[in-house]
Protein backbone atom coordinates (compact mmCIF):
# COMPACT_ATOMS: atom_id res chain seq x y z
CA UNK A 1 47.84 32.11 -33.84
CA UNK A 2 49.62 29.45 -35.88
CA UNK A 3 51.69 30.74 -38.78
CA UNK A 4 52.33 27.98 -41.30
CA UNK A 5 53.58 29.48 -44.54
CA UNK A 6 51.37 29.37 -47.60
CA UNK A 7 52.52 27.01 -50.37
CA UNK A 8 53.67 30.02 -52.43
CA UNK A 9 55.65 31.59 -49.56
CA UNK A 10 57.14 28.23 -48.59
CA UNK A 11 58.19 27.62 -52.23
CA UNK A 12 59.97 30.98 -52.39
CA UNK A 13 61.64 30.38 -49.03
CA UNK A 14 62.93 26.93 -50.05
CA UNK A 15 64.21 28.02 -53.47
CA UNK A 16 65.97 31.20 -52.34
CA UNK A 17 67.12 30.90 -48.72
CA UNK A 18 70.80 30.51 -49.53
CA UNK A 19 72.78 31.56 -52.59
CA UNK A 20 74.06 27.98 -52.97
CA UNK A 21 70.54 26.51 -53.19
CA UNK A 22 69.59 29.10 -55.80
CA UNK A 23 72.78 28.44 -57.82
CA UNK A 24 72.16 24.69 -58.08
CA UNK A 25 68.65 25.31 -59.44
CA UNK A 26 66.72 23.43 -56.77
CA UNK A 27 62.96 23.82 -57.25
CA UNK A 28 60.05 23.28 -54.91
CA UNK A 29 57.64 21.32 -57.11
CA UNK A 30 55.00 20.58 -54.45
CA UNK A 31 54.55 22.45 -51.18
CA UNK A 32 51.42 21.25 -49.41
CA UNK A 33 50.60 20.84 -45.74
CA UNK A 34 52.89 18.04 -44.50
CA UNK A 35 53.94 17.06 -48.07
CA UNK A 36 56.74 18.33 -50.28
CA UNK A 37 58.44 17.41 -53.54
CA UNK A 38 61.71 19.01 -54.60
CA UNK A 39 63.56 18.80 -57.90
CA UNK A 40 67.17 19.25 -58.92
CA UNK A 41 68.39 19.55 -62.52
CA UNK A 42 71.38 17.68 -63.92
CA UNK A 43 72.34 20.82 -65.86
CA UNK A 44 74.83 22.82 -63.85
CA UNK A 45 75.30 20.05 -61.26
CA UNK A 46 77.24 17.44 -63.24
CA UNK A 47 80.52 16.05 -61.94
CA UNK A 48 83.54 14.70 -63.84
CA UNK A 49 81.65 11.58 -65.01
CA UNK A 50 78.47 13.37 -66.09
CA UNK A 51 76.27 12.44 -63.13
CA UNK A 52 74.95 14.80 -60.46
CA UNK A 53 77.67 15.80 -58.02
CA UNK A 54 77.29 14.09 -54.63
CA UNK A 55 77.24 17.42 -52.77
CA UNK A 56 74.27 18.58 -54.84
CA UNK A 57 72.48 15.29 -54.12
CA UNK A 58 73.18 15.78 -50.42
CA UNK A 59 71.57 19.21 -50.61
CA UNK A 60 68.41 17.86 -52.22
CA UNK A 61 68.41 15.09 -49.58
CA UNK A 62 68.71 17.52 -46.67
CA UNK A 63 66.21 20.20 -47.67
CA UNK A 64 62.94 18.22 -47.41
CA UNK A 65 63.12 18.48 -43.62
CA UNK A 66 63.19 22.26 -43.84
CA UNK A 67 60.52 22.30 -46.52
CA UNK A 68 58.23 20.14 -44.37
CA UNK A 69 58.88 22.47 -41.45
CA UNK A 70 57.62 25.42 -43.52
CA UNK A 71 54.38 23.66 -44.48
CA UNK A 72 53.74 21.84 -41.20
CA UNK A 73 54.76 23.90 -38.18
CA UNK A 74 54.29 27.37 -36.75
CA UNK A 75 57.33 29.25 -38.10
CA UNK A 76 57.04 31.91 -35.40
CA UNK A 77 57.19 29.36 -32.54
CA UNK A 78 59.65 26.79 -33.91
CA UNK A 79 62.70 26.35 -36.14
CA UNK A 80 64.32 23.20 -37.59
CA UNK A 81 67.84 21.84 -37.17
CA UNK A 82 69.45 18.93 -39.02
CA UNK A 83 71.27 16.73 -36.49
CA UNK A 84 72.43 13.88 -38.73
CA UNK A 85 72.10 12.72 -42.32
CA UNK A 86 72.92 9.35 -43.82
CA UNK A 87 72.88 8.97 -47.57
CA UNK A 88 73.40 5.79 -49.55
CA UNK A 89 74.19 6.36 -53.20
CA UNK A 90 72.62 3.55 -55.24
CA UNK A 91 73.48 4.54 -58.83
CA UNK A 92 74.70 7.58 -60.73
CA UNK A 93 72.05 10.27 -61.24
CA UNK A 94 72.29 10.88 -64.99
CA UNK A 95 69.07 12.93 -65.26
CA UNK A 96 67.21 15.52 -63.23
CA UNK A 97 66.14 14.12 -59.85
CA UNK A 98 63.27 14.53 -57.41
CA UNK A 99 62.69 13.78 -53.76
CA UNK A 100 59.37 13.58 -51.93
CA UNK A 101 58.70 13.68 -48.21
CA UNK A 102 55.64 13.79 -46.00
CA UNK A 103 54.64 13.80 -42.35
CA UNK A 104 51.41 12.21 -41.20
CA UNK A 105 49.19 14.72 -39.38
CA UNK A 106 49.41 12.78 -36.12
CA UNK A 107 53.22 12.71 -36.27
CA UNK A 108 53.40 16.46 -36.97
CA UNK A 109 51.10 17.07 -33.99
CA UNK A 110 53.27 14.83 -31.78
CA UNK A 111 56.45 16.66 -32.82
CA UNK A 112 54.94 20.09 -32.20
CA UNK A 113 53.50 19.09 -28.82
CA UNK A 114 56.81 17.59 -27.68
CA UNK A 115 58.78 20.64 -28.84
CA UNK A 116 56.29 22.92 -27.13
CA UNK A 117 56.55 20.98 -23.86
CA UNK A 118 60.30 20.22 -23.88
CA UNK A 119 61.77 22.96 -26.05
CA UNK A 120 62.74 20.46 -28.74
CA UNK A 121 61.65 17.25 -30.47
CA UNK A 122 63.47 14.90 -32.80
CA UNK A 123 62.02 13.20 -35.83
CA UNK A 124 63.43 10.93 -38.53
CA UNK A 125 62.73 11.52 -42.18
CA UNK A 126 63.50 8.81 -44.75
CA UNK A 127 63.45 9.63 -48.45
CA UNK A 128 64.45 8.29 -51.84
CA UNK A 129 65.99 10.48 -54.50
CA UNK A 130 64.70 9.35 -57.90
CA UNK A 131 65.82 10.03 -61.46
CA UNK A 132 63.63 10.82 -64.46
CA UNK A 133 63.05 7.08 -65.01
CA UNK A 134 61.79 6.74 -61.40
CA UNK A 135 64.91 4.77 -60.44
CA UNK A 136 66.24 5.27 -56.90
CA UNK A 137 69.63 6.97 -57.09
CA UNK A 138 70.00 7.54 -53.34
CA UNK A 139 68.32 6.61 -50.07
CA UNK A 140 68.47 8.97 -47.14
CA UNK A 141 67.70 9.11 -43.45
CA UNK A 142 67.81 12.46 -41.72
CA UNK A 143 67.50 13.16 -38.03
CA UNK A 144 65.89 16.55 -37.58
CA UNK A 145 65.07 18.49 -34.48
CA UNK A 146 62.23 20.94 -34.11
CA UNK A 147 63.22 23.59 -31.58
CA UNK A 148 61.03 26.09 -29.82
CA UNK A 149 62.12 29.69 -30.33
CA UNK A 150 63.44 31.26 -27.16
CA UNK A 151 63.91 27.88 -25.47
């Protein structure tokens, strides 16, 4: 049996897994099979110049990999690990921001099959964090690893 979380369960798990994530107000806006969209408010996350603090932007950059895991893979057979994250800040985020990520069905199947066969599989996830005016405030590239439980 494959246990991929429902969109509602995945949303709750993304918004409340860690006290820090809950404190910064991160919201799961879309949680669909192999597609997610997360949002982060400016309110409560502003730095000394009035833009979103870089650490909060890093958090919204890192979480799509975990969110995609919840909507794409069997959560009883696998778990995700972030191995590396590169983030390029393009401009100050002066409004709420969003980030979207997706995995093609064939790529998700490849990752799961490789992790099942080898105990782990790496995948790269590139995203853009966008402000309310749809301007790119940061570009990211995360290296994630899907690991088989008990491997």
